[in-house]
N, C-alpha and C. Protein backbone atom coordinates (compact mmCIF):
# COMPACT_ATOMS: atom_id res chain seq x y z
N UNK A 1 -16.48 8.02 54.71
CA UNK A 1 -15.37 8.31 53.80
C UNK A 1 -14.38 7.16 53.84
N UNK A 2 -13.84 6.82 52.70
CA UNK A 2 -12.89 5.72 52.60
C UNK A 2 -11.55 6.13 53.21
N UNK A 3 -10.67 5.17 53.30
CA UNK A 3 -9.35 5.40 53.89
C UNK A 3 -8.42 6.17 52.98
N UNK A 4 -7.18 6.26 53.39
CA UNK A 4 -6.16 7.04 52.69
C UNK A 4 -5.95 6.55 51.26
N UNK A 5 -6.14 5.27 51.01
CA UNK A 5 -5.90 4.71 49.70
C UNK A 5 -7.00 5.01 48.68
N UNK A 6 -7.93 5.87 49.03
CA UNK A 6 -9.06 6.19 48.14
C UNK A 6 -8.57 6.77 46.82
N UNK A 7 -9.21 6.38 45.74
CA UNK A 7 -8.92 6.88 44.41
C UNK A 7 -9.40 8.33 44.31
N UNK A 8 -8.58 9.19 43.71
CA UNK A 8 -8.93 10.61 43.59
C UNK A 8 -10.20 10.81 42.76
N UNK A 9 -10.36 10.02 41.69
CA UNK A 9 -11.58 10.11 40.89
C UNK A 9 -12.81 9.79 41.73
N UNK A 10 -12.69 8.77 42.57
CA UNK A 10 -13.81 8.41 43.46
C UNK A 10 -14.12 9.55 44.41
N UNK A 11 -13.08 10.18 44.94
CA UNK A 11 -13.27 11.32 45.85
C UNK A 11 -14.02 12.45 45.14
N UNK A 12 -13.58 12.78 43.90
CA UNK A 12 -14.24 13.85 43.15
C UNK A 12 -15.70 13.50 42.86
N UNK A 13 -15.96 12.24 42.54
CA UNK A 13 -17.34 11.80 42.29
C UNK A 13 -18.18 11.94 43.55
N UNK A 14 -17.62 11.54 44.69
CA UNK A 14 -18.34 11.65 45.96
C UNK A 14 -18.66 13.11 46.29
N UNK A 15 -17.79 13.99 45.92
CA UNK A 15 -17.97 15.42 46.18
C UNK A 15 -18.83 16.10 45.12
N UNK A 16 -19.19 15.35 44.07
CA UNK A 16 -20.00 15.91 43.00
C UNK A 16 -19.22 16.87 42.11
N UNK A 17 -17.91 16.68 42.03
CA UNK A 17 -17.05 17.61 41.29
C UNK A 17 -16.35 16.96 40.11
N UNK A 18 -16.57 15.69 39.85
CA UNK A 18 -15.80 14.95 38.85
C UNK A 18 -15.88 15.57 37.47
N UNK A 19 -17.09 15.80 36.97
CA UNK A 19 -17.26 16.34 35.62
C UNK A 19 -16.67 17.74 35.51
N UNK A 20 -16.91 18.57 36.53
CA UNK A 20 -16.41 19.95 36.51
C UNK A 20 -14.89 19.99 36.48
N UNK A 21 -14.25 19.16 37.27
CA UNK A 21 -12.79 19.13 37.33
C UNK A 21 -12.21 18.62 36.01
N UNK A 22 -12.82 17.57 35.44
CA UNK A 22 -12.33 17.05 34.16
C UNK A 22 -12.50 18.05 33.03
N UNK A 23 -13.63 18.76 33.03
CA UNK A 23 -13.86 19.78 32.00
C UNK A 23 -12.84 20.90 32.11
N UNK A 24 -12.58 21.37 33.32
CA UNK A 24 -11.60 22.43 33.51
C UNK A 24 -10.21 21.97 33.11
N UNK A 25 -9.86 20.74 33.44
CA UNK A 25 -8.54 20.21 33.06
C UNK A 25 -8.39 20.15 31.55
N UNK A 26 -9.45 19.74 30.85
CA UNK A 26 -9.40 19.67 29.39
C UNK A 26 -9.25 21.07 28.80
N UNK A 27 -9.99 22.04 29.34
CA UNK A 27 -9.88 23.41 28.85
C UNK A 27 -8.49 23.97 29.10
N UNK A 28 -7.92 23.67 30.27
CA UNK A 28 -6.57 24.15 30.57
C UNK A 28 -5.56 23.56 29.60
N UNK A 29 -5.71 22.30 29.26
CA UNK A 29 -4.80 21.67 28.31
C UNK A 29 -4.91 22.31 26.93
N UNK A 30 -6.13 22.53 26.47
CA UNK A 30 -6.32 23.13 25.14
C UNK A 30 -5.76 24.55 25.12
N UNK A 31 -6.07 25.35 26.14
CA UNK A 31 -5.56 26.73 26.14
C UNK A 31 -4.05 26.76 26.26
N UNK A 32 -3.48 25.83 27.01
CA UNK A 32 -2.02 25.74 27.10
C UNK A 32 -1.42 25.47 25.72
N UNK A 33 -2.03 24.54 24.99
CA UNK A 33 -1.53 24.21 23.65
C UNK A 33 -1.68 25.38 22.69
N UNK A 34 -2.78 26.11 22.80
CA UNK A 34 -2.96 27.29 21.95
C UNK A 34 -1.89 28.34 22.26
N UNK A 35 -1.64 28.57 23.54
CA UNK A 35 -0.62 29.56 23.94
C UNK A 35 0.76 29.13 23.47
N UNK A 36 1.06 27.84 23.60
CA UNK A 36 2.36 27.34 23.14
C UNK A 36 2.54 27.56 21.65
N UNK A 37 1.51 27.27 20.87
CA UNK A 37 1.58 27.46 19.42
C UNK A 37 1.78 28.94 19.08
N UNK A 38 1.09 29.80 19.83
CA UNK A 38 1.27 31.25 19.61
C UNK A 38 2.71 31.65 19.88
N UNK A 39 3.27 31.16 20.98
CA UNK A 39 4.66 31.51 21.33
C UNK A 39 5.64 31.00 20.28
N UNK A 40 5.44 29.77 19.83
CA UNK A 40 6.32 29.18 18.82
C UNK A 40 6.32 30.01 17.54
N UNK A 41 5.14 30.55 17.19
CA UNK A 41 5.00 31.32 15.96
C UNK A 41 5.19 32.82 16.19
N UNK A 42 5.47 33.18 17.44
CA UNK A 42 5.67 34.59 17.82
C UNK A 42 4.45 35.44 17.44
N UNK A 43 3.26 34.91 17.74
CA UNK A 43 2.01 35.62 17.45
C UNK A 43 1.51 36.31 18.71
N UNK A 44 1.05 37.52 18.56
CA UNK A 44 0.44 38.22 19.68
C UNK A 44 -1.07 37.95 19.70
N UNK A 45 -1.69 38.26 20.81
CA UNK A 45 -3.14 38.11 20.91
C UNK A 45 -3.83 39.02 19.89
N UNK A 46 -3.28 40.20 19.69
CA UNK A 46 -3.86 41.13 18.71
C UNK A 46 -3.79 40.56 17.29
N UNK A 47 -2.68 39.93 16.96
CA UNK A 47 -2.52 39.34 15.64
C UNK A 47 -3.53 38.20 15.44
N UNK A 48 -3.68 37.37 16.46
CA UNK A 48 -4.64 36.27 16.38
C UNK A 48 -6.05 36.83 16.24
N UNK A 49 -6.35 37.88 16.99
CA UNK A 49 -7.68 38.50 16.92
C UNK A 49 -7.96 39.00 15.50
N UNK A 50 -6.97 39.62 14.87
CA UNK A 50 -7.15 40.11 13.49
C UNK A 50 -7.41 38.95 12.54
N UNK A 51 -6.65 37.86 12.70
CA UNK A 51 -6.84 36.70 11.84
C UNK A 51 -8.22 36.07 12.03
N UNK A 52 -8.73 36.15 13.27
CA UNK A 52 -10.05 35.59 13.57
C UNK A 52 -11.18 36.57 13.26
N UNK A 53 -10.80 37.82 12.94
CA UNK A 53 -11.78 38.90 12.71
C UNK A 53 -12.65 39.09 13.95
N UNK A 54 -11.96 39.20 15.09
CA UNK A 54 -12.63 39.40 16.36
C UNK A 54 -11.79 40.36 17.21
N UNK A 55 -12.19 40.54 18.44
CA UNK A 55 -11.47 41.46 19.33
C UNK A 55 -10.42 40.73 20.15
N UNK A 56 -9.49 41.51 20.68
CA UNK A 56 -8.48 40.96 21.57
C UNK A 56 -9.13 40.42 22.84
N UNK A 57 -10.20 41.05 23.29
CA UNK A 57 -10.93 40.58 24.47
C UNK A 57 -11.48 39.18 24.21
N UNK A 58 -11.99 38.95 23.01
CA UNK A 58 -12.51 37.62 22.66
C UNK A 58 -11.40 36.58 22.71
N UNK A 59 -10.21 36.95 22.23
CA UNK A 59 -9.06 36.05 22.30
C UNK A 59 -8.70 35.77 23.75
N UNK A 60 -8.68 36.81 24.58
CA UNK A 60 -8.43 36.62 26.01
C UNK A 60 -9.43 35.64 26.61
N UNK A 61 -10.69 35.79 26.25
CA UNK A 61 -11.74 34.90 26.78
C UNK A 61 -11.51 33.45 26.36
N UNK A 62 -11.13 33.25 25.11
CA UNK A 62 -10.88 31.90 24.63
C UNK A 62 -9.71 31.28 25.39
N UNK A 63 -8.70 32.08 25.70
CA UNK A 63 -7.52 31.57 26.41
C UNK A 63 -7.73 31.44 27.91
N UNK A 64 -8.91 31.80 28.40
CA UNK A 64 -9.23 31.68 29.82
C UNK A 64 -10.01 30.37 30.04
N UNK A 65 -9.39 29.36 30.68
CA UNK A 65 -10.07 28.08 30.87
C UNK A 65 -11.38 28.19 31.64
N UNK A 66 -11.54 29.22 32.46
CA UNK A 66 -12.75 29.38 33.25
C UNK A 66 -13.90 29.97 32.43
N UNK A 67 -13.58 30.53 31.26
CA UNK A 67 -14.60 31.13 30.40
C UNK A 67 -15.31 30.03 29.61
N UNK A 68 -16.60 30.17 29.42
CA UNK A 68 -17.40 29.18 28.70
C UNK A 68 -17.22 29.37 27.19
N UNK A 69 -16.15 28.83 26.65
CA UNK A 69 -15.80 28.99 25.24
C UNK A 69 -16.46 27.90 24.40
N UNK A 70 -16.99 28.27 23.26
CA UNK A 70 -17.62 27.29 22.38
C UNK A 70 -16.55 26.53 21.59
N UNK A 71 -16.93 25.35 21.13
CA UNK A 71 -16.03 24.56 20.30
C UNK A 71 -15.74 25.31 19.00
N UNK A 72 -16.74 26.00 18.47
CA UNK A 72 -16.55 26.79 17.26
C UNK A 72 -15.45 27.84 17.45
N UNK A 73 -15.45 28.51 18.59
CA UNK A 73 -14.43 29.52 18.86
C UNK A 73 -13.05 28.88 18.95
N UNK A 74 -12.96 27.73 19.59
CA UNK A 74 -11.68 27.02 19.69
C UNK A 74 -11.18 26.60 18.30
N UNK A 75 -12.11 26.13 17.47
CA UNK A 75 -11.75 25.74 16.10
C UNK A 75 -11.26 26.94 15.30
N UNK A 76 -11.95 28.06 15.41
CA UNK A 76 -11.55 29.27 14.69
C UNK A 76 -10.18 29.75 15.15
N UNK A 77 -9.94 29.69 16.46
CA UNK A 77 -8.65 30.09 17.01
C UNK A 77 -7.55 29.19 16.45
N UNK A 78 -7.78 27.88 16.52
CA UNK A 78 -6.79 26.93 16.01
C UNK A 78 -6.49 27.20 14.54
N UNK A 79 -7.52 27.40 13.75
CA UNK A 79 -7.34 27.69 12.33
C UNK A 79 -6.53 28.96 12.13
N UNK A 80 -6.79 29.97 12.94
CA UNK A 80 -6.08 31.25 12.82
C UNK A 80 -4.58 31.11 13.08
N UNK A 81 -4.20 30.10 13.85
CA UNK A 81 -2.77 29.90 14.13
C UNK A 81 -2.21 28.70 13.36
N UNK A 82 -2.98 28.28 12.35
CA UNK A 82 -2.49 27.21 11.48
C UNK A 82 -2.58 25.81 12.07
N UNK A 83 -3.49 25.63 13.00
CA UNK A 83 -3.66 24.32 13.65
C UNK A 83 -5.06 23.81 13.42
N UNK A 84 -5.29 22.57 13.78
CA UNK A 84 -6.62 21.97 13.68
C UNK A 84 -6.99 21.43 15.04
N UNK A 85 -8.17 21.76 15.49
CA UNK A 85 -8.69 21.26 16.76
C UNK A 85 -9.24 19.86 16.53
N UNK A 86 -8.79 18.90 17.33
CA UNK A 86 -9.26 17.54 17.24
C UNK A 86 -9.86 17.13 18.58
N UNK A 87 -11.08 16.64 18.54
CA UNK A 87 -11.77 16.19 19.74
C UNK A 87 -12.11 14.71 19.56
N UNK A 88 -11.88 13.93 20.59
CA UNK A 88 -12.18 12.51 20.46
C UNK A 88 -12.83 11.98 21.73
N UNK A 89 -13.53 10.88 21.58
CA UNK A 89 -14.12 10.17 22.70
C UNK A 89 -13.30 8.92 22.96
N UNK A 90 -13.15 8.57 24.20
CA UNK A 90 -12.42 7.32 24.50
C UNK A 90 -13.20 6.47 25.44
């Protein structure tokens, strides 16, 4: 193991956790933004579910970063709250 100055990304790669941690961080960011938009618009989960023509449980699942949510579901959620999901590669 390297010394104290080791890069955190290197540590995660050594532990075999790099991709998993980055994926979870991205999901947390997206769900945070969805929740913020809901709060700004004073939308409830039930209201969003009705707009998406789905259940409140499905909305809860989408807002759970640990849940395996599809990009389609995220796009539908964003559309239901008047937003557009944008994904990019860098």
